[in-house]
Every structure is written in C-alpha cells, then in structure tokens.
C-alpha cells in the first residue's frame, strides 16, 4: 500500500548513510489481473460479468521482470525489516564503478528539459535524451 511504501522510505532515510543504495522489500509480486478483479469487486461489480477484463500484452518499454541490482551487487539485510542495503561484491566477480559527472550531465540535459531558443532542436528530444543517459550510465539500457 502507499502508506507502507511511504513508511519504508522514511525508515530507509533513518537507516541510510551517504552514498549507500537501499532497496525496499515490497513483498511478493501481485498479478495485475488479480488486482483488477479485486478492484472490480470492491466497487460492487463482478469481473467478466459486469466489467470485462481485456488482456492487451506489453506496451513499448514495459517489462514483465525488472532486475533491481546488477550482477556485481548483493542485497544485504539491515536492522530494519524490509529494507536491504545494496553492496558491491568483493573479489573477482566485482566490476569497477565509474563516477558520474553530474554537473556535466545536467548541462547536457538542461536544453532537453528546459526550452532554450538557441538549442530549440534539443527541447524534448527523446533520442538525444537516451543517448546522453546511455553514455552516462552504460550498464543500463535506455531504448
């Protein structure tokens, strides 16, 4: 629920240390169809009788599964229930991490996000946005 998620975020803020990455354990995945059926029943209707549920499949950019940490990271329990700390694996399995030039990336992103008459072709340019993000964070893929 939203209150549970907000509570975990606040608790993570209390547990967290600068530069550390935390993962909130939100429990088991929920099937969207089950959630839709529950919502329909909540409003006093019967699924598939009063309201038809149509399965349309994945849209562009949607995923069935999302990996929340990379192969060179481990989720480690913290003192707080349902909050995991992501730690870099040690030894041969770990890959070196680079640092991000946030000032440089911000300068590149500004004309995409904020209109500049001198760079009007860059405003809301999704291709340029993906290119900048892929260059800055090559481990991720922004199709």
N, C-alpha and C. Protein backbone atom coordinates (compact mmCIF):
# COMPACT_ATOMS: atom_id res chain seq x y z
N UNK A 1 0.84 -1.19 0.00
CA UNK A 1 0.00 0.00 0.00
C UNK A 1 0.88 1.25 0.00
N UNK A 2 0.27 2.36 -0.32
CA UNK A 2 1.01 3.63 -0.34
C UNK A 2 1.53 3.98 1.06
N UNK A 3 0.72 3.83 2.13
CA UNK A 3 1.26 4.13 3.46
C UNK A 3 2.46 3.24 3.83
N UNK A 4 2.41 1.97 3.47
CA UNK A 4 3.54 1.07 3.76
C UNK A 4 4.79 1.53 3.01
N UNK A 5 4.63 1.88 1.75
CA UNK A 5 5.77 2.32 0.95
C UNK A 5 6.36 3.61 1.53
N UNK A 6 5.50 4.56 1.91
CA UNK A 6 5.98 5.82 2.49
C UNK A 6 6.72 5.57 3.80
N UNK A 7 6.19 4.67 4.61
CA UNK A 7 6.83 4.33 5.88
C UNK A 7 8.22 3.74 5.64
N UNK A 8 8.34 2.84 4.66
CA UNK A 8 9.64 2.24 4.35
C UNK A 8 10.64 3.28 3.85
N UNK A 9 10.17 4.22 3.04
CA UNK A 9 11.06 5.28 2.54
C UNK A 9 11.59 6.11 3.71
N UNK A 10 10.70 6.47 4.65
CA UNK A 10 11.13 7.25 5.81
C UNK A 10 12.10 6.45 6.69
N UNK A 11 11.82 5.16 6.89
CA UNK A 11 12.72 4.32 7.67
C UNK A 11 14.08 4.19 6.99
N UNK A 12 14.08 4.05 5.67
CA UNK A 12 15.35 3.95 4.93
C UNK A 12 16.16 5.23 5.10
N UNK A 13 15.48 6.36 5.16
CA UNK A 13 16.18 7.62 5.39
C UNK A 13 16.87 7.64 6.74
N UNK A 14 16.27 7.01 7.74
CA UNK A 14 16.87 6.93 9.06
C UNK A 14 18.01 5.94 9.14
N UNK A 15 17.94 4.89 8.34
CA UNK A 15 18.97 3.84 8.33
C UNK A 15 20.14 4.26 7.45
N UNK A 16 19.84 5.02 6.41
CA UNK A 16 20.79 5.29 5.34
C UNK A 16 22.01 6.08 5.73
N UNK A 17 23.07 5.84 4.97
CA UNK A 17 24.32 6.58 5.08
C UNK A 17 24.59 7.19 3.71
N UNK A 18 25.31 8.30 3.69
CA UNK A 18 25.59 8.99 2.43
C UNK A 18 26.20 8.05 1.40
N UNK A 19 25.66 8.09 0.21
CA UNK A 19 26.20 7.31 -0.90
C UNK A 19 25.76 5.87 -0.94
N UNK A 20 25.06 5.39 0.08
CA UNK A 20 24.61 3.99 0.09
C UNK A 20 23.32 3.86 -0.70
N UNK A 21 23.13 2.67 -1.24
CA UNK A 21 21.93 2.38 -2.03
C UNK A 21 21.09 1.38 -1.27
N UNK A 22 19.81 1.67 -1.12
CA UNK A 22 18.91 0.80 -0.37
C UNK A 22 17.77 0.34 -1.26
N UNK A 23 17.27 -0.84 -0.95
CA UNK A 23 16.18 -1.45 -1.72
C UNK A 23 15.05 -1.77 -0.75
N UNK A 24 13.85 -1.36 -1.08
CA UNK A 24 12.70 -1.62 -0.23
C UNK A 24 12.06 -2.94 -0.65
N UNK A 25 11.88 -3.84 0.30
CA UNK A 25 11.23 -5.12 0.04
C UNK A 25 9.73 -4.92 0.14
N UNK A 26 9.08 -4.86 -1.00
CA UNK A 26 7.63 -4.60 -1.03
C UNK A 26 6.81 -5.88 -1.05
N UNK A 27 7.45 -7.02 -0.78
CA UNK A 27 6.71 -8.27 -0.71
C UNK A 27 6.65 -8.98 -2.05
N UNK A 28 5.80 -9.97 -2.09
CA UNK A 28 5.65 -10.78 -3.29
C UNK A 28 4.97 -9.99 -4.41
N UNK A 29 5.32 -10.29 -5.66
CA UNK A 29 4.65 -9.63 -6.79
C UNK A 29 3.15 -9.94 -6.80
N UNK A 30 2.39 -9.01 -7.32
CA UNK A 30 0.94 -9.16 -7.42
C UNK A 30 0.56 -9.21 -8.89
N UNK A 31 -0.29 -10.17 -9.25
CA UNK A 31 -0.75 -10.25 -10.63
C UNK A 31 -1.72 -9.10 -10.90
N UNK A 32 -1.50 -8.42 -11.99
CA UNK A 32 -2.35 -7.27 -12.35
C UNK A 32 -3.80 -7.70 -12.51
N UNK A 33 -4.02 -8.88 -13.09
CA UNK A 33 -5.40 -9.36 -13.29
C UNK A 33 -6.09 -9.56 -11.94
N UNK A 34 -5.38 -10.11 -10.97
CA UNK A 34 -5.96 -10.30 -9.63
C UNK A 34 -6.30 -8.96 -9.00
N UNK A 35 -5.42 -7.98 -9.18
CA UNK A 35 -5.67 -6.66 -8.64
C UNK A 35 -6.90 -6.03 -9.31
N UNK A 36 -7.02 -6.19 -10.62
CA UNK A 36 -8.17 -5.65 -11.34
C UNK A 36 -9.46 -6.30 -10.85
N UNK A 37 -9.41 -7.61 -10.64
CA UNK A 37 -10.61 -8.32 -10.15
C UNK A 37 -11.00 -7.83 -8.76
N UNK A 38 -10.02 -7.62 -7.89
CA UNK A 38 -10.30 -7.11 -6.55
C UNK A 38 -10.92 -5.72 -6.60
N UNK A 39 -10.38 -4.87 -7.47
CA UNK A 39 -10.92 -3.51 -7.60
C UNK A 39 -12.36 -3.54 -8.10
N UNK A 40 -12.62 -4.40 -9.07
CA UNK A 40 -13.98 -4.50 -9.61
C UNK A 40 -14.94 -4.96 -8.52
N UNK A 41 -14.56 -5.97 -7.75
CA UNK A 41 -15.41 -6.47 -6.65
C UNK A 41 -15.58 -5.41 -5.57
N UNK A 42 -14.52 -4.64 -5.30
CA UNK A 42 -14.58 -3.58 -4.29
C UNK A 42 -15.69 -2.58 -4.62
N UNK A 43 -15.90 -2.31 -5.89
CA UNK A 43 -16.93 -1.36 -6.31
C UNK A 43 -18.29 -2.03 -6.54
N UNK A 44 -18.41 -3.30 -6.14
CA UNK A 44 -19.70 -3.97 -6.18
C UNK A 44 -20.07 -4.63 -7.50
N UNK A 45 -19.11 -4.83 -8.36
CA UNK A 45 -19.37 -5.47 -9.64
C UNK A 45 -18.70 -6.83 -9.68
N UNK A 46 -19.06 -7.61 -10.67
CA UNK A 46 -18.48 -8.94 -10.85
C UNK A 46 -17.58 -8.93 -12.09
N UNK A 47 -16.31 -9.33 -11.90
CA UNK A 47 -15.40 -9.37 -13.05
C UNK A 47 -15.91 -10.30 -14.15
N UNK A 48 -15.69 -9.91 -15.37
CA UNK A 48 -16.05 -10.66 -16.57
C UNK A 48 -17.56 -10.74 -16.80
N UNK A 49 -18.37 -10.38 -15.81
CA UNK A 49 -19.83 -10.34 -16.00
C UNK A 49 -20.25 -8.88 -16.17
N UNK A 50 -19.99 -8.06 -15.15
CA UNK A 50 -20.34 -6.64 -15.21
C UNK A 50 -19.27 -5.84 -15.95
N UNK A 51 -18.04 -6.21 -15.73
CA UNK A 51 -16.92 -5.49 -16.34
C UNK A 51 -15.95 -6.51 -16.92
N UNK A 52 -15.72 -6.42 -18.23
CA UNK A 52 -14.80 -7.34 -18.90
C UNK A 52 -13.36 -6.87 -18.71
N UNK A 53 -12.48 -7.82 -18.46
CA UNK A 53 -11.04 -7.52 -18.35
C UNK A 53 -10.40 -7.95 -19.66
N UNK A 54 -9.74 -7.01 -20.29
CA UNK A 54 -9.11 -7.28 -21.58
C UNK A 54 -7.59 -7.29 -21.41
N UNK A 55 -6.96 -8.38 -21.82
CA UNK A 55 -5.52 -8.50 -21.77
C UNK A 55 -4.95 -8.00 -23.08
N UNK A 56 -4.09 -6.99 -23.01
CA UNK A 56 -3.58 -6.39 -24.24
C UNK A 56 -2.09 -6.65 -24.44
N UNK A 57 -1.42 -7.22 -23.44
CA UNK A 57 0.01 -7.50 -23.58
C UNK A 57 0.86 -6.31 -23.20
N UNK A 58 2.15 -6.47 -23.39
CA UNK A 58 3.10 -5.42 -23.02
C UNK A 58 3.10 -4.29 -24.04
N UNK A 59 3.24 -3.09 -23.54
CA UNK A 59 3.42 -1.92 -24.40
C UNK A 59 4.92 -1.68 -24.56
N UNK A 60 5.28 -0.80 -25.45
CA UNK A 60 6.69 -0.48 -25.66
C UNK A 60 7.30 0.02 -24.37
N UNK A 61 8.43 -0.56 -23.99
CA UNK A 61 9.14 -0.15 -22.79
C UNK A 61 8.72 -0.86 -21.52
N UNK A 62 7.60 -1.59 -21.54
CA UNK A 62 7.16 -2.30 -20.35
C UNK A 62 7.88 -3.63 -20.23
N UNK A 63 8.08 -4.08 -18.99
CA UNK A 63 8.78 -5.33 -18.74
C UNK A 63 7.95 -6.22 -17.84
N UNK A 64 8.12 -7.52 -17.99
CA UNK A 64 7.49 -8.45 -17.06
C UNK A 64 8.31 -8.56 -15.78
N UNK A 65 9.62 -8.48 -15.90
CA UNK A 65 10.52 -8.57 -14.76
C UNK A 65 11.49 -7.41 -14.80
N UNK A 66 11.87 -6.95 -13.63
CA UNK A 66 12.84 -5.87 -13.56
C UNK A 66 13.92 -6.25 -12.55
N UNK A 67 15.15 -6.20 -12.98
CA UNK A 67 16.27 -6.53 -12.10
C UNK A 67 16.60 -5.29 -11.28
N UNK A 68 16.59 -5.44 -9.95
CA UNK A 68 16.77 -4.29 -9.08
C UNK A 68 18.21 -4.09 -8.63
N UNK A 69 19.09 -5.03 -8.95
CA UNK A 69 20.51 -4.87 -8.68
C UNK A 69 21.28 -5.61 -9.75
N UNK A 70 22.52 -5.21 -9.96
CA UNK A 70 23.33 -5.78 -11.02
C UNK A 70 24.05 -7.04 -10.54
N UNK A 71 24.71 -7.72 -11.46
CA UNK A 71 25.41 -8.95 -11.14
C UNK A 71 26.56 -8.74 -10.17
N UNK A 72 27.09 -7.53 -10.12
CA UNK A 72 28.22 -7.27 -9.22
C UNK A 72 27.78 -6.68 -7.89
N UNK A 73 26.49 -6.80 -7.57
CA UNK A 73 25.96 -6.29 -6.32
C UNK A 73 25.23 -7.39 -5.54
N UNK A 74 25.16 -7.22 -4.24
CA UNK A 74 24.43 -8.14 -3.36
C UNK A 74 23.46 -7.35 -2.49
N UNK A 75 22.21 -7.80 -2.36
CA UNK A 75 21.31 -7.18 -1.38
C UNK A 75 21.59 -7.79 0.00
N UNK A 76 21.80 -6.93 0.99
CA UNK A 76 22.15 -7.37 2.34
C UNK A 76 21.10 -6.85 3.32
N UNK A 77 20.58 -7.70 4.21
CA UNK A 77 19.58 -7.22 5.18
C UNK A 77 20.16 -6.14 6.09
N UNK A 78 19.30 -5.23 6.54
CA UNK A 78 19.66 -4.20 7.51
C UNK A 78 18.93 -4.49 8.81
N UNK A 79 19.13 -3.65 9.81
CA UNK A 79 18.42 -3.82 11.08
C UNK A 79 16.92 -3.60 10.92
N UNK A 80 16.56 -2.84 9.91
CA UNK A 80 15.15 -2.57 9.65
C UNK A 80 14.56 -3.67 8.78
N UNK A 81 13.45 -4.21 9.20
CA UNK A 81 12.75 -5.22 8.42
C UNK A 81 12.31 -4.63 7.08
N UNK A 82 12.49 -5.36 6.02
CA UNK A 82 12.05 -4.99 4.67
C UNK A 82 12.91 -3.90 4.02
N UNK A 83 14.08 -3.59 4.57
CA UNK A 83 15.00 -2.65 3.93
C UNK A 83 16.32 -3.38 3.72
N UNK A 84 16.75 -3.45 2.48
CA UNK A 84 18.00 -4.12 2.13
C UNK A 84 19.01 -3.07 1.67
N UNK A 85 20.26 -3.29 2.01
CA UNK A 85 21.33 -2.42 1.54
C UNK A 85 22.01 -3.13 0.37
N UNK A 86 22.23 -2.41 -0.70
CA UNK A 86 22.91 -2.97 -1.87
C UNK A 86 24.41 -2.72 -1.70
N UNK A 87 25.17 -3.81 -1.67
CA UNK A 87 26.61 -3.70 -1.52
C UNK A 87 27.32 -4.28 -2.72
N UNK A 88 28.45 -3.70 -3.04
CA UNK A 88 29.30 -4.17 -4.14
C UNK A 88 29.91 -5.51 -3.75
N UNK A 89 29.88 -6.49 -4.64
CA UNK A 89 30.54 -7.76 -4.39
C UNK A 89 32.05 -7.53 -4.34
N UNK A 90 32.70 -8.30 -3.54
CA UNK A 90 34.15 -8.20 -3.45
C UNK A 90 34.80 -9.32 -4.25
N UNK A 91 36.04 -9.13 -4.60
CA UNK A 91 36.77 -10.17 -5.30
C UNK A 91 36.65 -10.07 -6.80
N UNK A 92 36.90 -11.19 -7.47
CA UNK A 92 36.98 -11.24 -8.93
C UNK A 92 35.63 -10.97 -9.60
N UNK A 93 34.52 -11.18 -8.88
CA UNK A 93 33.21 -11.00 -9.52
C UNK A 93 32.85 -9.53 -9.68
N UNK A 94 33.45 -8.69 -8.88
CA UNK A 94 33.07 -7.29 -8.91
C UNK A 94 33.69 -6.57 -10.10
N UNK A 95 32.96 -5.64 -10.65
CA UNK A 95 33.49 -4.81 -11.73
C UNK A 95 33.66 -3.40 -11.19
N UNK A 96 34.69 -2.66 -11.63
CA UNK A 96 34.92 -1.32 -11.09
C UNK A 96 33.80 -0.37 -11.47
N UNK A 97 33.50 0.54 -10.57
CA UNK A 97 32.46 1.53 -10.84
C UNK A 97 33.08 2.85 -11.21
N UNK A 98 32.46 3.50 -12.15
CA UNK A 98 32.91 4.83 -12.51
C UNK A 98 32.16 5.86 -11.68
N UNK A 99 32.55 7.09 -11.83
CA UNK A 99 31.83 8.17 -11.16
C UNK A 99 31.10 8.97 -12.22
N UNK A 100 30.01 9.54 -11.82
CA UNK A 100 29.20 10.34 -12.74
C UNK A 100 29.56 11.81 -12.60
N UNK A 101 29.69 12.47 -13.73
CA UNK A 101 29.89 13.92 -13.75
C UNK A 101 28.51 14.56 -13.78
N UNK A 102 27.91 14.72 -12.60
CA UNK A 102 26.54 15.21 -12.52
C UNK A 102 26.39 16.62 -13.08
N UNK A 103 27.39 17.47 -12.87
CA UNK A 103 27.32 18.84 -13.40
C UNK A 103 27.31 18.79 -14.92
N UNK A 104 28.19 17.97 -15.50
CA UNK A 104 28.24 17.85 -16.96
C UNK A 104 26.97 17.26 -17.55
N UNK A 105 26.45 16.21 -16.89
CA UNK A 105 25.22 15.57 -17.38
C UNK A 105 24.06 16.55 -17.28
N UNK A 106 23.99 17.30 -16.18
CA UNK A 106 22.92 18.28 -16.00
C UNK A 106 22.96 19.34 -17.10
N UNK A 107 24.17 19.80 -17.44
CA UNK A 107 24.30 20.79 -18.51
C UNK A 107 23.80 20.24 -19.84
N UNK A 108 24.11 18.96 -20.10
CA UNK A 108 23.65 18.34 -21.35
C UNK A 108 22.14 18.15 -21.36
N UNK A 109 21.55 17.86 -20.20
CA UNK A 109 20.11 17.59 -20.12
C UNK A 109 19.26 18.85 -20.09
N UNK A 110 19.84 19.96 -19.63
CA UNK A 110 19.06 21.20 -19.46
C UNK A 110 18.30 21.60 -20.73
N UNK A 111 18.93 21.68 -21.92
CA UNK A 111 18.16 22.12 -23.09
C UNK A 111 17.09 21.10 -23.53
N UNK A 112 17.21 19.87 -23.07
CA UNK A 112 16.18 18.88 -23.39
C UNK A 112 14.96 19.11 -22.50
N UNK A 113 15.20 19.50 -21.25
CA UNK A 113 14.13 19.66 -20.27
C UNK A 113 13.58 21.07 -20.19
N UNK A 114 14.40 22.05 -20.53
CA UNK A 114 14.01 23.45 -20.41
C UNK A 114 14.28 24.15 -21.74
N UNK A 115 13.27 24.78 -22.31
CA UNK A 115 13.40 25.38 -23.63
C UNK A 115 14.46 26.47 -23.67
N UNK A 116 15.35 26.35 -24.65
CA UNK A 116 16.39 27.35 -24.90
C UNK A 116 16.30 27.69 -26.39
N UNK A 117 15.95 28.95 -26.72
CA UNK A 117 15.78 29.31 -28.14
C UNK A 117 17.02 29.03 -28.99
N UNK A 118 18.21 29.06 -28.38
CA UNK A 118 19.44 28.79 -29.14
C UNK A 118 19.62 27.31 -29.41
N UNK A 119 18.91 26.45 -28.68
CA UNK A 119 19.02 25.00 -28.85
C UNK A 119 17.63 24.38 -28.95
N UNK A 120 16.76 25.01 -29.72
CA UNK A 120 15.37 24.56 -29.77
C UNK A 120 15.21 23.14 -30.31
N UNK A 121 16.14 22.67 -31.12
CA UNK A 121 16.06 21.30 -31.64
C UNK A 121 16.30 20.24 -30.58
N UNK A 122 16.90 20.63 -29.46
CA UNK A 122 17.18 19.68 -28.39
C UNK A 122 16.01 19.56 -27.41
N UNK A 123 15.10 20.54 -27.40
CA UNK A 123 13.99 20.55 -26.45
C UNK A 123 13.09 19.33 -26.66
N UNK A 124 12.93 18.54 -25.60
CA UNK A 124 12.11 17.32 -25.59
C UNK A 124 12.56 16.30 -26.64
N UNK A 125 13.82 16.29 -26.97
CA UNK A 125 14.37 15.36 -27.97
C UNK A 125 14.67 14.04 -27.27
N UNK A 126 13.77 13.06 -27.41
CA UNK A 126 13.91 11.79 -26.70
C UNK A 126 15.11 10.98 -27.19
N UNK A 127 15.46 11.10 -28.45
CA UNK A 127 16.63 10.38 -28.97
C UNK A 127 17.91 10.90 -28.32
N UNK A 128 18.03 12.21 -28.23
CA UNK A 128 19.19 12.83 -27.59
C UNK A 128 19.22 12.47 -26.09
N UNK A 129 18.07 12.48 -25.45
CA UNK A 129 17.98 12.13 -24.04
C UNK A 129 18.51 10.71 -23.80
N UNK A 130 18.05 9.76 -24.59
CA UNK A 130 18.50 8.37 -24.45
C UNK A 130 20.01 8.27 -24.69
N UNK A 131 20.50 8.98 -25.66
CA UNK A 131 21.93 8.95 -25.98
C UNK A 131 22.76 9.46 -24.80
N UNK A 132 22.34 10.56 -24.20
CA UNK A 132 23.06 11.12 -23.06
C UNK A 132 23.03 10.14 -21.88
N UNK A 133 21.87 9.57 -21.61
CA UNK A 133 21.76 8.63 -20.50
C UNK A 133 22.55 7.35 -20.75
N UNK A 134 22.52 6.84 -21.98
CA UNK A 134 23.31 5.64 -22.30
C UNK A 134 24.81 5.91 -22.18
N UNK A 135 25.26 7.09 -22.57
CA UNK A 135 26.68 7.44 -22.42
C UNK A 135 27.07 7.57 -20.95
N UNK A 136 26.17 8.16 -20.15
CA UNK A 136 26.47 8.42 -18.75
C UNK A 136 26.41 7.13 -17.91
N UNK A 137 25.45 6.25 -18.25
CA UNK A 137 25.25 5.04 -17.46
C UNK A 137 25.19 3.86 -18.42
N UNK A 138 26.34 3.40 -18.93
CA UNK A 138 26.34 2.35 -19.94
C UNK A 138 25.80 1.01 -19.45
N UNK A 139 25.81 0.76 -18.14
CA UNK A 139 25.30 -0.51 -17.63
C UNK A 139 23.80 -0.63 -17.82
N UNK A 140 23.11 0.50 -17.92
CA UNK A 140 21.67 0.49 -18.16
C UNK A 140 21.42 0.67 -19.64
N UNK A 141 20.26 0.26 -20.06
CA UNK A 141 19.92 0.43 -21.46
C UNK A 141 18.65 1.26 -21.56
N UNK A 142 18.73 2.38 -22.23
CA UNK A 142 17.58 3.24 -22.47
C UNK A 142 17.22 3.14 -23.94
N UNK A 143 16.31 2.23 -24.27
CA UNK A 143 15.99 2.01 -25.70
C UNK A 143 15.32 3.20 -26.35
